[in-house]
Amino acid sequence: MNISIEEKAKRVKYIRALERFAKSAINLLKRDDFDKEMFKKRVSKNLEILKRAEPVYLDQPYTKGLEEFVNSITNLKEQDELIKEANLLDKLRNNKSYKKDKHKKIGFADEY
């Protein structure tokens, strides 16, 4: 698998743009004084910035989920639904980076 530096740079740039867009939207969604009109304006403004990044193929579960979440935001779904998707996305991100073996049985030589 020989990927050029230029392709990697495009990939990183696209993922960072998606993450910035999603983070901005999540911060607005979780505010106590959520205003749908302000949310629409901010999303359209941030969408222009996102369009500057060239889309690339994403194959990891988290990045695919991130891209789907951004598509949900641009489709302007309801606030509750978007918050639920944001929480699932956080769960995906945390799942890939940390896994603790809880209550793992330690095997002994005599199996007792």
PDB file of N, CA and C in Angstrom:
ATOM      1  N   MET A   1       0.856  -1.173   0.000  1.00  0.00           N
ATOM      2  CA  MET A   1       0.000   0.000   0.000  1.00  0.00           C
ATOM      3  C   MET A   1       0.896   1.228   0.000  1.00  0.00           C
ATOM      4  N   ASN A   2       1.023   1.828  -1.143  1.00  0.00           N
ATOM      5  CA  ASN A   2       1.918   2.954  -1.310  1.00  0.00           C
ATOM      6  C   ASN A   2       1.098   4.229  -1.520  1.00  0.00           C
ATOM      7  N   ILE A   3       0.955   5.005  -0.445  1.00  0.00           N
ATOM      8  CA  ILE A   3       0.182   6.242  -0.514  1.00  0.00           C
ATOM      9  C   ILE A   3       1.149   7.418  -0.495  1.00  0.00           C
ATOM     10  N   SER A   4       0.937   8.338  -1.408  1.00  0.00           N
ATOM     11  CA  SER A   4       1.852   9.473  -1.491  1.00  0.00           C
ATOM     12  C   SER A   4       1.596  10.449  -0.337  1.00  0.00           C
ATOM     13  N   ILE A   5       2.561  11.269  -0.094  1.00  0.00           N
ATOM     14  CA  ILE A   5       2.463  12.274   0.955  1.00  0.00           C
ATOM     15  C   ILE A   5       1.343  13.257   0.642  1.00  0.00           C
ATOM     16  N   GLU A   6       1.172  13.554  -0.634  1.00  0.00           N
ATOM     17  CA  GLU A   6       0.121  14.479  -1.056  1.00  0.00           C
ATOM     18  C   GLU A   6      -1.273  13.923  -0.735  1.00  0.00           C
ATOM     19  N   GLU A   7      -1.464  12.621  -0.967  1.00  0.00           N
ATOM     20  CA  GLU A   7      -2.742  11.979  -0.660  1.00  0.00           C
ATOM     21  C   GLU A   7      -3.000  11.969   0.848  1.00  0.00           C
ATOM     22  N   LYS A   8      -1.952  11.708   1.627  1.00  0.00           N
ATOM     23  CA  LYS A   8      -2.090  11.728   3.082  1.00  0.00           C
ATOM     24  C   LYS A   8      -2.459  13.121   3.573  1.00  0.00           C
ATOM     25  N   ALA A   9      -1.838  14.124   2.985  1.00  0.00           N
ATOM     26  CA  ALA A   9      -2.120  15.507   3.376  1.00  0.00           C
ATOM     27  C   ALA A   9      -3.576  15.871   3.069  1.00  0.00           C
ATOM     28  N   LYS A  10      -4.061  15.450   1.915  1.00  0.00           N
ATOM     29  CA  LYS A  10      -5.464  15.708   1.554  1.00  0.00           C
ATOM     30  C   LYS A  10      -6.402  15.027   2.542  1.00  0.00           C
ATOM     31  N   ARG A  11      -6.052  13.793   2.885  1.00  0.00           N
ATOM     32  CA  ARG A  11      -6.874  13.014   3.825  1.00  0.00           C
ATOM     33  C   ARG A  11      -6.939  13.696   5.182  1.00  0.00           C
ATOM     34  N   VAL A  12      -5.791  14.096   5.695  1.00  0.00           N
ATOM     35  CA  VAL A  12      -5.735  14.757   7.003  1.00  0.00           C
ATOM     36  C   VAL A  12      -6.493  16.080   6.967  1.00  0.00           C
ATOM     37  N   LYS A  13      -6.320  16.832   5.907  1.00  0.00           N
ATOM     38  CA  LYS A  13      -6.996  18.118   5.769  1.00  0.00           C
ATOM     39  C   LYS A  13      -8.518  17.929   5.762  1.00  0.00           C
ATOM     40  N   TYR A  14      -8.988  16.909   5.046  1.00  0.00           N
ATOM     41  CA  TYR A  14     -10.423  16.644   4.957  1.00  0.00           C
ATOM     42  C   TYR A  14     -10.982  16.200   6.317  1.00  0.00           C
ATOM     43  N   ILE A  15     -10.275  15.309   6.997  1.00  0.00           N
ATOM     44  CA  ILE A  15     -10.737  14.824   8.307  1.00  0.00           C
ATOM     45  C   ILE A  15     -10.764  15.964   9.317  1.00  0.00           C
ATOM     46  N   ARG A  16      -9.745  16.806   9.318  1.00  0.00           N
ATOM     47  CA  ARG A  16      -9.719  17.946  10.242  1.00  0.00           C
ATOM     48  C   ARG A  16     -10.862  18.917   9.959  1.00  0.00           C
ATOM     49  N   ALA A  17     -11.148  19.146   8.693  1.00  0.00           N
ATOM     50  CA  ALA A  17     -12.260  20.033   8.328  1.00  0.00           C
ATOM     51  C   ALA A  17     -13.583  19.449   8.811  1.00  0.00           C
ATOM     52  N   LEU A  18     -13.755  18.135   8.635  1.00  0.00           N
ATOM     53  CA  LEU A  18     -14.971  17.472   9.125  1.00  0.00           C
ATOM     54  C   LEU A  18     -15.093  17.603  10.637  1.00  0.00           C
ATOM     55  N   GLU A  19     -13.974  17.386  11.342  1.00  0.00           N
ATOM     56  CA  GLU A  19     -13.993  17.465  12.804  1.00  0.00           C
ATOM     57  C   GLU A  19     -14.295  18.880  13.284  1.00  0.00           C
ATOM     58  N   ARG A  20     -13.707  19.887  12.635  1.00  0.00           N
ATOM     59  CA  ARG A  20     -13.998  21.277  13.009  1.00  0.00           C
ATOM     60  C   ARG A  20     -15.472  21.595  12.812  1.00  0.00           C
ATOM     61  N   PHE A  21     -16.010  21.183  11.670  1.00  0.00           N
ATOM     62  CA  PHE A  21     -17.406  21.426  11.351  1.00  0.00           C
ATOM     63  C   PHE A  21     -18.313  20.754  12.393  1.00  0.00           C
ATOM     64  N   ALA A  22     -18.028  19.491  12.685  1.00  0.00           N
ATOM     65  CA  ALA A  22     -18.846  18.727  13.630  1.00  0.00           C
ATOM     66  C   ALA A  22     -18.747  19.311  15.037  1.00  0.00           C
ATOM     67  N   LYS A  23     -17.549  19.670  15.460  1.00  0.00           N
ATOM     68  CA  LYS A  23     -17.361  20.212  16.810  1.00  0.00           C
ATOM     69  C   LYS A  23     -18.123  21.521  16.983  1.00  0.00           C
ATOM     70  N   SER A  24     -18.072  22.378  15.984  1.00  0.00           N
ATOM     71  CA  SER A  24     -18.794  23.645  16.038  1.00  0.00           C
ATOM     72  C   SER A  24     -20.297  23.396  16.150  1.00  0.00           C
ATOM     73  N   ALA A  25     -20.803  22.468  15.348  1.00  0.00           N
ATOM     74  CA  ALA A  25     -22.234  22.152  15.374  1.00  0.00           C
ATOM     75  C   ALA A  25     -22.639  21.537  16.705  1.00  0.00           C
ATOM     76  N   ILE A  26     -21.820  20.647  17.247  1.00  0.00           N
ATOM     77  CA  ILE A  26     -22.135  19.999  18.527  1.00  0.00           C
ATOM     78  C   ILE A  26     -22.194  21.030  19.640  1.00  0.00           C
ATOM     79  N   ASN A  27     -21.247  21.968  19.633  1.00  0.00           N
ATOM     80  CA  ASN A  27     -21.259  23.011  20.657  1.00  0.00           C
ATOM     81  C   ASN A  27     -22.542  23.830  20.596  1.00  0.00           C
ATOM     82  N   LEU A  28     -23.009  24.133  19.402  1.00  0.00           N
ATOM     83  CA  LEU A  28     -24.267  24.870  19.253  1.00  0.00           C
ATOM     84  C   LEU A  28     -25.465  24.034  19.686  1.00  0.00           C
ATOM     85  N   LEU A  29     -25.456  22.755  19.318  1.00  0.00           N
ATOM     86  CA  LEU A  29     -26.583  21.878  19.644  1.00  0.00           C
ATOM     87  C   LEU A  29     -26.769  21.704  21.147  1.00  0.00           C
ATOM     88  N   LYS A  30     -25.676  21.653  21.869  1.00  0.00           N
ATOM     89  CA  LYS A  30     -25.751  21.357  23.298  1.00  0.00           C
ATOM     90  C   LYS A  30     -25.940  22.595  24.176  1.00  0.00           C
ATOM     91  N   ARG A  31     -26.064  23.751  23.557  1.00  0.00           N
ATOM     92  CA  ARG A  31     -26.298  24.979  24.330  1.00  0.00           C
ATOM     93  C   ARG A  31     -27.705  24.978  24.901  1.00  0.00           C
ATOM     94  N   ASP A  32     -27.846  25.573  26.093  1.00  0.00           N
ATOM     95  CA  ASP A  32     -29.168  25.680  26.721  1.00  0.00           C
ATOM     96  C   ASP A  32     -30.073  26.620  25.939  1.00  0.00           C
ATOM     97  N   ASP A  33     -29.480  27.664  25.357  1.00  0.00           N
ATOM     98  CA  ASP A  33     -30.265  28.646  24.600  1.00  0.00           C
ATOM     99  C   ASP A  33     -30.172  28.373  23.089  1.00  0.00           C
ATOM    100  N   PHE A  34     -30.414  27.116  22.703  1.00  0.00           N
ATOM    101  CA  PHE A  34     -30.332  26.694  21.296  1.00  0.00           C
ATOM    102  C   PHE A  34     -31.345  27.469  20.457  1.00  0.00           C
ATOM    103  N   ASP A  35     -30.855  28.043  19.359  1.00  0.00           N
ATOM    104  CA  ASP A  35     -31.702  28.782  18.431  1.00  0.00           C
ATOM    105  C   ASP A  35     -31.528  28.161  17.049  1.00  0.00           C
ATOM    106  N   LYS A  36     -32.626  27.640  16.509  1.00  0.00           N
ATOM    107  CA  LYS A  36     -32.543  26.918  15.235  1.00  0.00           C
ATOM    108  C   LYS A  36     -32.081  27.814  14.092  1.00  0.00           C
ATOM    109  N   GLU A  37     -32.513  29.063  14.078  1.00  0.00           N
ATOM    110  CA  GLU A  37     -32.110  29.978  12.999  1.00  0.00           C
ATOM    111  C   GLU A  37     -30.615  30.277  13.060  1.00  0.00           C
ATOM    112  N   MET A  38     -30.103  30.524  14.265  1.00  0.00           N
ATOM    113  CA  MET A  38     -28.667  30.772  14.423  1.00  0.00           C
ATOM    114  C   MET A  38     -27.875  29.522  14.007  1.00  0.00           C
ATOM    115  N   PHE A  39     -28.414  28.355  14.363  1.00  0.00           N
ATOM    116  CA  PHE A  39     -27.771  27.099  14.004  1.00  0.00           C
ATOM    117  C   PHE A  39     -27.684  26.961  12.485  1.00  0.00           C
ATOM    118  N   LYS A  40     -28.779  27.264  11.777  1.00  0.00           N
ATOM    119  CA  LYS A  40     -28.789  27.168  10.311  1.00  0.00           C
ATOM    120  C   LYS A  40     -27.770  28.113   9.697  1.00  0.00           C
ATOM    121  N   LYS A  41     -27.690  29.351  10.222  1.00  0.00           N
ATOM    122  CA  LYS A  41     -26.722  30.320   9.693  1.00  0.00           C
ATOM    123  C   LYS A  41     -25.293  29.838   9.888  1.00  0.00           C
ATOM    124  N   ARG A  42     -25.006  29.347  11.100  1.00  0.00           N
ATOM    125  CA  ARG A  42     -23.652  28.890  11.415  1.00  0.00           C
ATOM    126  C   ARG A  42     -23.284  27.679  10.563  1.00  0.00           C
ATOM    127  N   VAL A  43     -24.238  26.774  10.382  1.00  0.00           N
ATOM    128  CA  VAL A  43     -23.977  25.586   9.576  1.00  0.00           C
ATOM    129  C   VAL A  43     -23.678  25.982   8.133  1.00  0.00           C
ATOM    130  N   SER A  44     -24.454  26.899   7.584  1.00  0.00           N
ATOM    131  CA  SER A  44     -24.206  27.303   6.194  1.00  0.00           C
ATOM    132  C   SER A  44     -22.862  28.014   6.058  1.00  0.00           C
ATOM    133  N   LYS A  45     -22.484  28.808   7.060  1.00  0.00           N
ATOM    134  CA  LYS A  45     -21.182  29.484   7.034  1.00  0.00           C
ATOM    135  C   LYS A  45     -20.042  28.460   7.106  1.00  0.00           C
ATOM    136  N   ASN A  46     -20.166  27.514   8.022  1.00  0.00           N
ATOM    137  CA  ASN A  46     -19.120  26.498   8.182  1.00  0.00           C
ATOM    138  C   ASN A  46     -19.083  25.536   7.003  1.00  0.00           C
ATOM    139  N   LEU A  47     -20.205  25.359   6.337  1.00  0.00           N
ATOM    140  CA  LEU A  47     -20.248  24.486   5.174  1.00  0.00           C
ATOM    141  C   LEU A  47     -19.388  25.039   4.036  1.00  0.00           C
ATOM    142  N   GLU A  48     -19.360  26.360   3.916  1.00  0.00           N
ATOM    143  CA  GLU A  48     -18.506  26.981   2.899  1.00  0.00           C
ATOM    144  C   GLU A  48     -17.034  26.670   3.169  1.00  0.00           C
ATOM    145  N   ILE A  49     -16.647  26.705   4.426  1.00  0.00           N
ATOM    146  CA  ILE A  49     -15.263  26.391   4.804  1.00  0.00           C
ATOM    147  C   ILE A  49     -14.968  24.913   4.528  1.00  0.00           C
ATOM    148  N   LEU A  50     -15.947  24.052   4.849  1.00  0.00           N
ATOM    149  CA  LEU A  50     -15.770  22.614   4.634  1.00  0.00           C
ATOM    150  C   LEU A  50     -15.622  22.284   3.151  1.00  0.00           C
ATOM    151  N   LYS A  51     -16.304  23.013   2.300  1.00  0.00           N
ATOM    152  CA  LYS A  51     -16.250  22.740   0.868  1.00  0.00           C
ATOM    153  C   LYS A  51     -14.879  23.018   0.267  1.00  0.00           C
ATOM    154  N   ARG A  52     -14.063  23.795   0.950  1.00  0.00           N
ATOM    155  CA  ARG A  52     -12.696  24.067   0.459  1.00  0.00           C
ATOM    156  C   ARG A  52     -11.810  22.830   0.523  1.00  0.00           C
ATOM    157  N   ALA A  53     -12.110  21.951   1.490  1.00  0.00           N
ATOM    158  CA  ALA A  53     -11.326  20.720   1.629  1.00  0.00           C
ATOM    159  C   ALA A  53     -11.830  19.699   0.620  1.00  0.00           C
ATOM    160  N   GLU A  54     -10.906  19.107  -0.103  1.00  0.00           N
ATOM    161  CA  GLU A  54     -11.267  18.127  -1.127  1.00  0.00           C
ATOM    162  C   GLU A  54     -11.674  16.811  -0.464  1.00  0.00           C
ATOM    163  N   PRO A  55     -12.901  16.325  -0.751  1.00  0.00           N
ATOM    164  CA  PRO A  55     -13.346  15.059  -0.153  1.00  0.00           C
ATOM    165  C   PRO A  55     -12.477  13.888  -0.614  1.00  0.00           C
ATOM    166  N   VAL A  56     -12.199  12.988   0.310  1.00  0.00           N
ATOM    167  CA  VAL A  56     -11.426  11.784   0.001  1.00  0.00           C
ATOM    168  C   VAL A  56     -12.185  10.575   0.538  1.00  0.00           C
ATOM    169  N   TYR A  57     -11.785   9.390   0.110  1.00  0.00           N
ATOM    170  CA  TYR A  57     -12.398   8.153   0.576  1.00  0.00           C
ATOM    171  C   TYR A  57     -11.966   7.891   2.018  1.00  0.00           C
ATOM    172  N   LEU A  58     -12.939   7.618   2.878  1.00  0.00           N
ATOM    173  CA  LEU A  58     -12.664   7.310   4.277  1.00  0.00           C
ATOM    174  C   LEU A  58     -13.071   5.872   4.554  1.00  0.00           C
ATOM    175  N   ASP A  59     -12.172   5.118   5.215  1.00  0.00           N
ATOM    176  CA  ASP A  59     -12.464   3.705   5.426  1.00  0.00           C
ATOM    177  C   ASP A  59     -12.546   3.283   6.892  1.00  0.00           C
ATOM    178  N   GLN A  60     -12.166   4.133   7.808  1.00  0.00           N
ATOM    179  CA  GLN A  60     -12.227   3.797   9.224  1.00  0.00           C
ATOM    180  C   GLN A  60     -13.638   4.049   9.764  1.00  0.00           C
ATOM    181  N   PRO A  61     -14.098   3.257  10.735  1.00  0.00           N
ATOM    182  CA  PRO A  61     -15.458   3.437  11.264  1.00  0.00           C
ATOM    183  C   PRO A  61     -15.706   4.848  11.816  1.00  0.00           C
ATOM    184  N   TYR A  62     -14.724   5.394  12.540  1.00  0.00           N
ATOM    185  CA  TYR A  62     -14.922   6.730  13.114  1.00  0.00           C
ATOM    186  C   TYR A  62     -15.026   7.799  12.025  1.00  0.00           C
ATOM    187  N   THR A  63     -14.148   7.741  11.048  1.00  0.00           N
ATOM    188  CA  THR A  63     -14.174   8.774  10.010  1.00  0.00           C
ATOM    189  C   THR A  63     -15.418   8.647   9.133  1.00  0.00           C
ATOM    190  N   LYS A  64     -15.863   7.403   8.879  1.00  0.00           N
ATOM    191  CA  LYS A  64     -17.115   7.214   8.149  1.00  0.00           C
ATOM    192  C   LYS A  64     -18.283   7.799   8.945  1.00  0.00           C
ATOM    193  N   GLY A  65     -18.286   7.509  10.251  1.00  0.00           N
ATOM    194  CA  GLY A  65     -19.337   8.033  11.127  1.00  0.00           C
ATOM    195  C   GLY A  65     -19.321   9.549  11.181  1.00  0.00           C
ATOM    196  N   LEU A  66     -18.119  10.109  11.195  1.00  0.00           N
ATOM    197  CA  LEU A  66     -17.968  11.568  11.199  1.00  0.00           C
ATOM    198  C   LEU A  66     -18.553  12.171   9.935  1.00  0.00           C
ATOM    199  N   GLU A  67     -18.252  11.564   8.806  1.00  0.00           N
ATOM    200  CA  GLU A  67     -18.766  12.054   7.531  1.00  0.00           C
ATOM    201  C   GLU A  67     -20.299  11.943   7.480  1.00  0.00           C
ATOM    202  N   GLU A  68     -20.842  10.836   7.995  1.00  0.00           N
ATOM    203  CA  GLU A  68     -22.302  10.661   8.033  1.00  0.00           C
ATOM    204  C   GLU A  68     -22.952  11.696   8.950  1.00  0.00           C
ATOM    205  N   PHE A  69     -22.300  11.984  10.079  1.00  0.00           N
ATOM    206  CA  PHE A  69     -22.829  12.972  11.017  1.00  0.00           C
ATOM    207  C   PHE A  69     -22.855  14.359  10.373  1.00  0.00           C
ATOM    208  N   VAL A  70     -21.802  14.703   9.663  1.00  0.00           N
ATOM    209  CA  VAL A  70     -21.749  15.992   8.974  1.00  0.00           C
ATOM    210  C   VAL A  70     -22.863  16.075   7.928  1.00  0.00           C
ATOM    211  N   ASN A  71     -23.111  14.967   7.235  1.00  0.00           N
ATOM    212  CA  ASN A  71     -24.213  14.942   6.266  1.00  0.00           C
ATOM    213  C   ASN A  71     -25.559  15.127   6.961  1.00  0.00           C
ATOM    214  N   SER A  72     -25.713  14.546   8.149  1.00  0.00           N
ATOM    215  CA  SER A  72     -26.948  14.723   8.919  1.00  0.00           C
ATOM    216  C   SER A  72     -27.130  16.187   9.308  1.00  0.00           C
ATOM    217  N   ILE A  73     -26.037  16.831   9.684  1.00  0.00           N
ATOM    218  CA  ILE A  73     -26.108  18.247  10.072  1.00  0.00           C
ATOM    219  C   ILE A  73     -26.512  19.092   8.877  1.00  0.00           C
ATOM    220  N   THR A  74     -25.904  18.825   7.729  1.00  0.00           N
ATOM    221  CA  THR A  74     -26.216  19.628   6.548  1.00  0.00           C
ATOM    222  C   THR A  74     -27.648  19.393   6.067  1.00  0.00           C
ATOM    223  N   ASN A  75     -28.217  18.234   6.401  1.00  0.00           N
ATOM    224  CA  ASN A  75     -29.624  17.969   6.080  1.00  0.00           C
ATOM    225  C   ASN A  75     -30.560  18.594   7.112  1.00  0.00           C
ATOM    226  N   LEU A  76     -29.970  19.234   8.129  1.00  0.00           N
ATOM    227  CA  LEU A  76     -30.709  19.942   9.179  1.00  0.00           C
ATOM    228  C   LEU A  76     -31.784  19.074   9.832  1.00  0.00           C
ATOM    229  N   LYS A  77     -31.339  17.955  10.391  1.00  0.00           N
ATOM    230  CA  LYS A  77     -32.239  17.101  11.155  1.00  0.00           C
ATOM    231  C   LYS A  77     -32.608  17.799  12.457  1.00  0.00           C
ATOM    232  N   GLU A  78     -33.482  17.188  13.225  1.00  0.00           N
ATOM    233  CA  GLU A  78     -33.911  17.769  14.502  1.00  0.00           C
ATOM    234  C   GLU A  78     -32.784  17.733  15.531  1.00  0.00           C
ATOM    235  N   GLN A  79     -32.851  18.650  16.498  1.00  0.00           N
ATOM    236  CA  GLN A  79     -31.797  18.798  17.505  1.00  0.00           C
ATOM    237  C   GLN A  79     -31.583  17.509  18.296  1.00  0.00           C
ATOM    238  N   ASP A  80     -32.663  16.879  18.761  1.00  0.00           N
ATOM    239  CA  ASP A  80     -32.526  15.667  19.575  1.00  0.00           C
ATOM    240  C   ASP A  80     -31.835  14.542  18.804  1.00  0.00           C
ATOM    241  N   GLU A  81     -32.209  14.411  17.546  1.00  0.00           N
ATOM    242  CA  GLU A  81     -31.619  13.373  16.702  1.00  0.00           C
ATOM    243  C   GLU A  81     -30.131  13.637  16.470  1.00  0.00           C
ATOM    244  N   LEU A  82     -29.785  14.909  16.246  1.00  0.00           N
ATOM    245  CA  LEU A  82     -28.378  15.256  16.025  1.00  0.00           C
ATOM    246  C   LEU A  82     -27.544  15.051  17.283  1.00  0.00           C
ATOM    247  N   ILE A  83     -28.108  15.373  18.447  1.00  0.00           N
ATOM    248  CA  ILE A  83     -27.381  15.157  19.703  1.00  0.00           C
ATOM    249  C   ILE A  83     -27.131  13.669  19.918  1.00  0.00           C
ATOM    250  N   LYS A  84     -28.131  12.851  19.605  1.00  0.00           N
ATOM    251  CA  LYS A  84     -27.975  11.401  19.745  1.00  0.00           C
ATOM    252  C   LYS A  84     -26.851  10.900  18.833  1.00  0.00           C
ATOM    253  N   GLU A  85     -26.844  11.379  17.578  1.00  0.00           N
ATOM    254  CA  GLU A  85     -25.790  10.985  16.639  1.00  0.00           C
ATOM    255  C   GLU A  85     -24.416  11.467  17.107  1.00  0.00           C
ATOM    256  N   ALA A  86     -24.375  12.665  17.697  1.00  0.00           N
ATOM    257  CA  ALA A  86     -23.101  13.198  18.206  1.00  0.00           C
ATOM    258  C   ALA A  86     -22.568  12.335  19.336  1.00  0.00           C
ATOM    259  N   ASN A  87     -23.458  11.881  20.203  1.00  0.00           N
ATOM    260  CA  ASN A  87     -23.033  11.015  21.311  1.00  0.00           C
ATOM    261  C   ASN A  87     -22.532   9.675  20.800  1.00  0.00           C
ATOM    262  N   LEU A  88     -23.195   9.137  19.787  1.00  0.00           N
ATOM    263  CA  LEU A  88     -22.724   7.880  19.194  1.00  0.00           C
ATOM    264  C   LEU A  88     -21.360   8.059  18.529  1.00  0.00           C
ATOM    265  N   LEU A  89     -21.158   9.223  17.915  1.00  0.00           N
ATOM    266  CA  LEU A  89     -19.871   9.519  17.285  1.00  0.00           C
ATOM    267  C   LEU A  89     -18.769   9.603  18.341  1.00  0.00           C
ATOM    268  N   ASP A  90     -19.056  10.242  19.470  1.00  0.00           N
ATOM    269  CA  ASP A  90     -18.087  10.307  20.569  1.00  0.00           C
ATOM    270  C   ASP A  90     -17.748   8.903  21.063  1.00  0.00           C
ATOM    271  N   LYS A  91     -18.765   8.069  21.153  1.00  0.00           N
ATOM    272  CA  LYS A  91     -18.553   6.693  21.599  1.00  0.00           C
ATOM    273  C   LYS A  91     -17.638   5.952  20.625  1.00  0.00           C
ATOM    274  N   LEU A  92     -17.851   6.161  19.329  1.00  0.00           N
ATOM    275  CA  LEU A  92     -16.993   5.542  18.313  1.00  0.00           C
ATOM    276  C   LEU A  92     -15.547   6.015  18.443  1.00  0.00           C
ATOM    277  N   ARG A  93     -15.376   7.323  18.632  1.00  0.00           N
ATOM    278  CA  ARG A  93     -14.031   7.885  18.738  1.00  0.00           C
ATOM    279  C   ARG A  93     -13.323   7.340  19.971  1.00  0.00           C
ATOM    280  N   ASN A  94     -14.028   7.285  21.084  1.00  0.00           N
ATOM    281  CA  ASN A  94     -13.414   6.793  22.319  1.00  0.00           C
ATOM    282  C   ASN A  94     -13.140   5.299  22.254  1.00  0.00           C
ATOM    283  N   ASN A  95     -13.963   4.570  21.555  1.00  0.00           N
ATOM    284  CA  ASN A  95     -13.815   3.129  21.443  1.00  0.00           C
ATOM    285  C   ASN A  95     -12.531   2.746  20.716  1.00  0.00           C
ATOM    286  N   LYS A  96     -12.150   3.535  19.721  1.00  0.00           N
ATOM    287  CA  LYS A  96     -10.956   3.187  18.950  1.00  0.00           C
ATOM    288  C   LYS A  96      -9.662   3.485  19.709  1.00  0.00           C
ATOM    289  N   SER A  97      -9.730   4.372  20.704  1.00  0.00           N
ATOM    290  CA  SER A  97      -8.491   4.789  21.341  1.00  0.00           C
ATOM    291  C   SER A  97      -8.236   4.145  22.699  1.00  0.00           C
ATOM    292  N   TYR A  98      -9.264   3.590  23.310  1.00  0.00           N
ATOM    293  CA  TYR A  98      -9.061   3.081  24.667  1.00  0.00           C
ATOM    294  C   TYR A  98      -9.939   1.885  24.910  1.00  0.00           C
ATOM    295  N   LYS A  99      -9.336   0.831  25.380  1.00  0.00           N
ATOM    296  CA  LYS A  99     -10.100  -0.346  25.744  1.00  0.00           C
ATOM    297  C   LYS A  99      -9.459  -0.954  26.981  1.00  0.00           C
ATOM    298  N   LYS A 100     -10.247  -1.084  28.012  1.00  0.00           N
ATOM    299  CA  LYS A 100      -9.740  -1.613  29.270  1.00  0.00           C
ATOM    300  C   LYS A 100     -10.245  -3.042  29.449  1.00  0.00           C
ATOM    301  N   ASP A 101      -9.350  -3.936  29.805  1.00  0.00           N
ATOM    302  CA  ASP A 101      -9.751  -5.314  30.087  1.00  0.00           C
ATOM    303  C   ASP A 101     -10.227  -5.390  31.527  1.00  0.00           C
ATOM    304  N   LYS A 102     -11.528  -5.349  31.687  1.00  0.00           N
ATOM    305  CA  LYS A 102     -12.090  -5.410  33.031  1.00  0.00           C
ATOM    306  C   LYS A 102     -12.343  -6.859  33.412  1.00  0.00           C
ATOM    307  N   HIS A 103     -12.045  -7.147  34.619  1.00  0.00           N
ATOM    308  CA  HIS A 103     -12.344  -8.467  35.191  1.00  0.00           C
ATOM    309  C   HIS A 103     -11.789  -9.603  34.346  1.00  0.00           C
ATOM    310  N   LYS A 104     -10.650  -9.374  33.777  1.00  0.00           N
ATOM    311  CA  LYS A 104     -10.032 -10.411  32.970  1.00  0.00           C
ATOM    312  C   LYS A 104      -9.436 -11.459  33.909  1.00  0.00           C
ATOM    313  N   LYS A 105      -9.805 -12.698  33.672  1.00  0.00           N
ATOM    314  CA  LYS A 105      -9.308 -13.757  34.537  1.00  0.00           C
ATOM    315  C   LYS A 105      -7.842 -14.009  34.238  1.00  0.00           C
ATOM    316  N   ILE A 106      -7.096 -14.093  35.297  1.00  0.00           N
ATOM    317  CA  ILE A 106      -5.674 -14.361  35.159  1.00  0.00           C
ATOM    318  C   ILE A 106      -5.485 -15.871  35.249  1.00  0.00           C
ATOM    319  N   GLY A 107      -4.918 -16.427  34.203  1.00  0.00           N
ATOM    320  CA  GLY A 107      -4.725 -17.865  34.180  1.00  0.00           C
ATOM    321  C   GLY A 107      -3.484 -18.273  34.966  1.00  0.00           C
ATOM    322  N   PHE A 108      -3.619 -19.265  35.764  1.00  0.00           N
ATOM    323  CA  PHE A 108      -2.495 -19.788  36.528  1.00  0.00           C
ATOM    324  C   PHE A 108      -2.004 -21.066  35.858  1.00  0.00           C
ATOM    325  N   ALA A 109      -0.834 -21.501  36.270  1.00  0.00           N
ATOM    326  CA  ALA A 109      -0.223 -22.679  35.678  1.00  0.00           C
ATOM    327  C   ALA A 109      -1.094 -23.921  35.884  1.00  0.00           C
ATOM    328  N   ASP A 110      -1.727 -24.029  37.072  1.00  0.00           N
ATOM    329  CA  ASP A 110      -2.553 -25.203  37.331  1.00  0.00           C
ATOM    330  C   ASP A 110      -4.047 -24.941  37.047  1.00  0.00           C
ATOM    331  N   GLU A 111      -4.373 -23.818  36.374  1.00  0.00           N
ATOM    332  CA  GLU A 111      -5.717 -23.435  35.957  1.00  0.00           C
ATOM    333  C   GLU A 111      -6.681 -23.220  37.123  1.00  0.00           C
ATOM    334  N   TYR A 112      -6.192 -22.924  38.335  1.00  0.00           N
ATOM    335  CA  TYR A 112      -7.065 -22.609  39.474  1.00  0.00           C
ATOM    336  C   TYR A 112      -6.831 -21.222  39.928  1.00  0.00           C
TER     337      TYR A 112
END
